[in-house]
Amino acid sequence: MVGCDRNSIFQIVRKGVDIMPVSFEYDAAKGIIHVRPRGNLLLSEVGERFKRVAADETIPPGAVEFVHLDGVDSFKYGSRESAGIPDMHALVRQKKRIKATVFIAESDYHFGVARMVQTWFDAAGLGLVVAVVRSEEEAYRFVDRLSI
């Protein structure tokens, strides 16, 4: 599969813009990790985000992940590769005891990919609550209904 256009990355770096393909920030007041992938997303970048969250000492165990997919232009991996995402996520689950992962997918394209990933998590039988919703407001309503 083809990755990001290297010329675009170099232009962004020269302009001083953060080019981390998957950024995240922790909202301590709500216990939410907001994950924001963008651009042409590679599976290796997904795995790298898992490692960074697991190592982040400012994120206590028991958080919920909101994965905002609206910044993703394309997913540079297929269904077979995405089947490995639950295993890649193991480090985060173990170190941070994630309560739930909620994919926020406004477009049909993002929604379909998120449902595929949700299916892989369900099939793995890990006991992690994974949901796919259309808006951040819907994600908060979903979390409010959780009894975990």
C-alpha atoms as a PDB file:
ATOM      1  CA  MET A   1       0.000   0.000   0.000  1.00  0.00           C
ATOM      2  CA  VAL A   2       1.118   3.555  -0.633  1.00  0.00           C
ATOM      3  CA  GLY A   3       1.818   5.807   2.362  1.00  0.00           C
ATOM      4  CA  CYS A   4       1.680   9.566   2.770  1.00  0.00           C
ATOM      5  CA  ASP A   5       3.118  11.811   0.100  1.00  0.00           C
ATOM      6  CA  ARG A   6       6.634  12.549   1.384  1.00  0.00           C
ATOM      7  CA  ASN A   7       6.792  15.947  -0.374  1.00  0.00           C
ATOM      8  CA  SER A   8       3.722  17.085   1.555  1.00  0.00           C
ATOM      9  CA  ILE A   9       5.267  15.947   4.823  1.00  0.00           C
ATOM     10  CA  PHE A  10       8.463  17.872   4.134  1.00  0.00           C
ATOM     11  CA  GLN A  11       6.459  20.998   3.294  1.00  0.00           C
ATOM     12  CA  ILE A  12       4.526  20.715   6.544  1.00  0.00           C
ATOM     13  CA  VAL A  13       7.719  20.271   8.559  1.00  0.00           C
ATOM     14  CA  ARG A  14       9.245  23.377   6.981  1.00  0.00           C
ATOM     15  CA  LYS A  15       6.160  25.352   8.006  1.00  0.00           C
ATOM     16  CA  GLY A  16       6.600  24.172  11.600  1.00  0.00           C
ATOM     17  CA  VAL A  17       3.306  22.289  11.839  1.00  0.00           C
ATOM     18  CA  ASP A  18       2.993  19.158  13.987  1.00  0.00           C
ATOM     19  CA  ILE A  19       2.773  16.242  11.556  1.00  0.00           C
ATOM     20  CA  MET A  20       2.042  13.475  14.054  1.00  0.00           C
ATOM     21  CA  PRO A  21      -0.482  11.408  12.089  1.00  0.00           C
ATOM     22  CA  VAL A  22      -2.356  10.397  15.248  1.00  0.00           C
ATOM     23  CA  SER A  23      -2.507  12.955  18.031  1.00  0.00           C
ATOM     24  CA  PHE A  24      -4.290  12.623  21.343  1.00  0.00           C
ATOM     25  CA  GLU A  25      -5.123  14.698  24.379  1.00  0.00           C
ATOM     26  CA  TYR A  26      -6.541  13.668  27.730  1.00  0.00           C
ATOM     27  CA  ASP A  27      -9.538  15.478  29.238  1.00  0.00           C
ATOM     28  CA  ALA A  28      -8.993  14.778  32.943  1.00  0.00           C
ATOM     29  CA  ALA A  29     -12.306  16.333  33.977  1.00  0.00           C
ATOM     30  CA  LYS A  30     -14.275  13.846  31.873  1.00  0.00           C
ATOM     31  CA  GLY A  31     -11.825  10.918  31.803  1.00  0.00           C
ATOM     32  CA  ILE A  32     -11.739  10.956  27.990  1.00  0.00           C
ATOM     33  CA  ILE A  33      -8.738  10.410  25.705  1.00  0.00           C
ATOM     34  CA  HIS A  34      -9.520  12.297  22.485  1.00  0.00           C
ATOM     35  CA  VAL A  35      -7.669  10.571  19.647  1.00  0.00           C
ATOM     36  CA  ARG A  36      -7.396  12.441  16.355  1.00  0.00           C
ATOM     37  CA  PRO A  37      -5.913  10.549  13.423  1.00  0.00           C
ATOM     38  CA  ARG A  38      -5.505  12.481  10.193  1.00  0.00           C
ATOM     39  CA  GLY A  39      -4.357  12.200   6.626  1.00  0.00           C
ATOM     40  CA  ASN A  40      -3.580   8.873   5.008  1.00  0.00           C
ATOM     41  CA  LEU A  41      -3.500   6.596   8.027  1.00  0.00           C
ATOM     42  CA  LEU A  42      -1.028   3.703   8.124  1.00  0.00           C
ATOM     43  CA  LEU A  43      -1.473   0.740  10.449  1.00  0.00           C
ATOM     44  CA  SER A  44       1.982   1.389  11.916  1.00  0.00           C
ATOM     45  CA  GLU A  45       0.792   4.867  12.965  1.00  0.00           C
ATOM     46  CA  VAL A  46      -2.157   3.312  14.791  1.00  0.00           C
ATOM     47  CA  GLY A  47       0.244   1.024  16.670  1.00  0.00           C
ATOM     48  CA  GLU A  48       2.543   3.929  17.496  1.00  0.00           C
ATOM     49  CA  ARG A  49      -0.377   5.840  19.045  1.00  0.00           C
ATOM     50  CA  PHE A  50      -1.168   2.844  21.251  1.00  0.00           C
ATOM     51  CA  LYS A  51       2.420   2.847  22.531  1.00  0.00           C
ATOM     52  CA  ARG A  52       2.388   6.610  23.205  1.00  0.00           C
ATOM     53  CA  VAL A  53      -0.896   6.457  25.146  1.00  0.00           C
ATOM     54  CA  ALA A  54       0.297   3.465  27.186  1.00  0.00           C
ATOM     55  CA  ALA A  55       3.488   5.348  28.098  1.00  0.00           C
ATOM     56  CA  ASP A  56       1.778   8.667  28.911  1.00  0.00           C
ATOM     57  CA  GLU A  57       1.958   9.104  32.681  1.00  0.00           C
ATOM     58  CA  THR A  58      -0.660  11.883  32.657  1.00  0.00           C
ATOM     59  CA  ILE A  59      -3.391   9.421  31.635  1.00  0.00           C
ATOM     60  CA  PRO A  60      -4.606   7.383  34.611  1.00  0.00           C
ATOM     61  CA  PRO A  61      -6.143   3.917  34.263  1.00  0.00           C
ATOM     62  CA  GLY A  62      -9.864   3.733  33.577  1.00  0.00           C
ATOM     63  CA  ALA A  63     -10.254   6.282  30.770  1.00  0.00           C
ATOM     64  CA  VAL A  64     -12.537   6.090  27.752  1.00  0.00           C
ATOM     65  CA  GLU A  65     -11.176   6.644  24.237  1.00  0.00           C
ATOM     66  CA  PHE A  66     -12.985   8.848  21.706  1.00  0.00           C
ATOM     67  CA  VAL A  67     -11.467   8.253  18.265  1.00  0.00           C
ATOM     68  CA  HIS A  68     -12.433  11.185  16.015  1.00  0.00           C
ATOM     69  CA  LEU A  69     -12.180   9.879  12.438  1.00  0.00           C
ATOM     70  CA  ASP A  70     -13.194  13.041  10.557  1.00  0.00           C
ATOM     71  CA  GLY A  71      -9.544  14.002   9.879  1.00  0.00           C
ATOM     72  CA  VAL A  72      -8.689  10.733   8.118  1.00  0.00           C
ATOM     73  CA  ASP A  73      -8.492  11.022   4.325  1.00  0.00           C
ATOM     74  CA  SER A  74      -7.873   7.327   3.772  1.00  0.00           C
ATOM     75  CA  PHE A  75      -6.986   4.158   5.631  1.00  0.00           C
ATOM     76  CA  LYS A  76      -3.865   2.664   4.073  1.00  0.00           C
ATOM     77  CA  TYR A  77      -4.599  -0.858   5.262  1.00  0.00           C
ATOM     78  CA  GLY A  78      -7.201  -3.467   4.447  1.00  0.00           C
ATOM     79  CA  SER A  79      -9.539  -5.689   6.396  1.00  0.00           C
ATOM     80  CA  ARG A  80      -6.944  -8.433   6.923  1.00  0.00           C
ATOM     81  CA  GLU A  81      -4.429  -6.002   8.385  1.00  0.00           C
ATOM     82  CA  SER A  82      -7.064  -4.332  10.544  1.00  0.00           C
ATOM     83  CA  ALA A  83      -7.821  -7.712  12.144  1.00  0.00           C
ATOM     84  CA  GLY A  84      -4.583  -7.206  14.096  1.00  0.00           C
ATOM     85  CA  ILE A  85      -5.714  -3.938  15.704  1.00  0.00           C
ATOM     86  CA  PRO A  86      -7.217  -5.639  18.806  1.00  0.00           C
ATOM     87  CA  ASP A  87      -3.873  -7.358  19.477  1.00  0.00           C
ATOM     88  CA  MET A  88      -2.003  -4.082  18.922  1.00  0.00           C
ATOM     89  CA  HIS A  89      -4.372  -2.404  21.401  1.00  0.00           C
ATOM     90  CA  ALA A  90      -3.441  -4.910  24.150  1.00  0.00           C
ATOM     91  CA  LEU A  91      -0.704  -2.667  25.585  1.00  0.00           C
ATOM     92  CA  VAL A  92      -3.161   0.197  26.100  1.00  0.00           C
ATOM     93  CA  ARG A  93      -5.798  -2.121  27.597  1.00  0.00           C
ATOM     94  CA  GLN A  94      -3.280  -3.593  30.038  1.00  0.00           C
ATOM     95  CA  LYS A  95      -1.553  -0.382  31.137  1.00  0.00           C
ATOM     96  CA  LYS A  96      -4.533   1.988  31.081  1.00  0.00           C
ATOM     97  CA  ARG A  97      -7.460  -0.403  31.666  1.00  0.00           C
ATOM     98  CA  ILE A  98      -9.483   1.384  28.987  1.00  0.00           C
ATOM     99  CA  LYS A  99     -13.203   1.209  29.820  1.00  0.00           C
ATOM    100  CA  ALA A 100     -14.446   1.720  26.272  1.00  0.00           C
ATOM    101  CA  THR A 101     -13.420   2.884  22.828  1.00  0.00           C
ATOM    102  CA  VAL A 102     -15.908   5.007  20.921  1.00  0.00           C
ATOM    103  CA  PHE A 103     -15.313   5.725  17.239  1.00  0.00           C
ATOM    104  CA  ILE A 104     -16.866   9.009  16.111  1.00  0.00           C
ATOM    105  CA  ALA A 105     -17.562   8.579  12.409  1.00  0.00           C
ATOM    106  CA  GLU A 106     -19.637  11.255  10.743  1.00  0.00           C
ATOM    107  CA  SER A 107     -19.240  10.045   7.144  1.00  0.00           C
ATOM    108  CA  ASP A 108     -20.443   6.712   5.794  1.00  0.00           C
ATOM    109  CA  TYR A 109     -16.859   5.893   4.772  1.00  0.00           C
ATOM    110  CA  HIS A 110     -15.484   6.393   8.283  1.00  0.00           C
ATOM    111  CA  PHE A 111     -18.502   4.654   9.798  1.00  0.00           C
ATOM    112  CA  GLY A 112     -17.962   1.553   7.648  1.00  0.00           C
ATOM    113  CA  VAL A 113     -14.278   1.266   8.530  1.00  0.00           C
ATOM    114  CA  ALA A 114     -15.035   1.821  12.233  1.00  0.00           C
ATOM    115  CA  ARG A 115     -17.711  -0.899  12.163  1.00  0.00           C
ATOM    116  CA  MET A 116     -15.180  -3.295  10.618  1.00  0.00           C
ATOM    117  CA  VAL A 117     -12.700  -2.569  13.416  1.00  0.00           C
ATOM    118  CA  GLN A 118     -15.483  -2.910  15.999  1.00  0.00           C
ATOM    119  CA  THR A 119     -16.267  -6.347  14.545  1.00  0.00           C
ATOM    120  CA  TRP A 120     -12.621  -7.419  14.954  1.00  0.00           C
ATOM    121  CA  PHE A 121     -12.683  -6.346  18.611  1.00  0.00           C
ATOM    122  CA  ASP A 122     -15.961  -8.196  19.186  1.00  0.00           C
ATOM    123  CA  ALA A 123     -14.634 -11.334  17.466  1.00  0.00           C
ATOM    124  CA  ALA A 124     -11.484 -11.261  19.615  1.00  0.00           C
ATOM    125  CA  GLY A 125     -13.678 -11.613  22.729  1.00  0.00           C
ATOM    126  CA  LEU A 126     -11.620  -9.165  24.788  1.00  0.00           C
ATOM    127  CA  GLY A 127     -14.493  -7.748  26.778  1.00  0.00           C
ATOM    128  CA  LEU A 128     -13.694  -4.181  25.680  1.00  0.00           C
ATOM    129  CA  VAL A 129     -16.746  -2.070  24.957  1.00  0.00           C
ATOM    130  CA  VAL A 130     -16.396  -0.679  21.423  1.00  0.00           C
ATOM    131  CA  ALA A 131     -19.029   1.576  19.879  1.00  0.00           C
ATOM    132  CA  VAL A 132     -19.420   3.495  16.644  1.00  0.00           C
ATOM    133  CA  VAL A 133     -21.412   6.738  16.716  1.00  0.00           C
ATOM    134  CA  ARG A 134     -21.987   9.682  14.382  1.00  0.00           C
ATOM    135  CA  SER A 135     -21.140  12.651  16.638  1.00  0.00           C
ATOM    136  CA  GLU A 136     -19.241  13.640  19.770  1.00  0.00           C
ATOM    137  CA  GLU A 137     -22.543  14.426  21.473  1.00  0.00           C
ATOM    138  CA  GLU A 138     -23.727  10.893  20.750  1.00  0.00           C
ATOM    139  CA  ALA A 139     -20.414   9.545  22.123  1.00  0.00           C
ATOM    140  CA  TYR A 140     -20.969  11.380  25.428  1.00  0.00           C
ATOM    141  CA  ARG A 141     -24.536  10.047  25.638  1.00  0.00           C
ATOM    142  CA  PHE A 142     -23.216   6.534  25.026  1.00  0.00           C
ATOM    143  CA  VAL A 143     -20.616   6.887  27.812  1.00  0.00           C
ATOM    144  CA  ASP A 144     -23.249   8.290  30.197  1.00  0.00           C
ATOM    145  CA  ARG A 145     -25.297   5.077  29.687  1.00  0.00           C
ATOM    146  CA  LEU A 146     -22.338   2.754  30.366  1.00  0.00           C
ATOM    147  CA  SER A 147     -22.369   0.838  33.622  1.00  0.00           C
ATOM    148  CA  ILE A 148     -18.685  -0.104  33.695  1.00  0.00           C
END
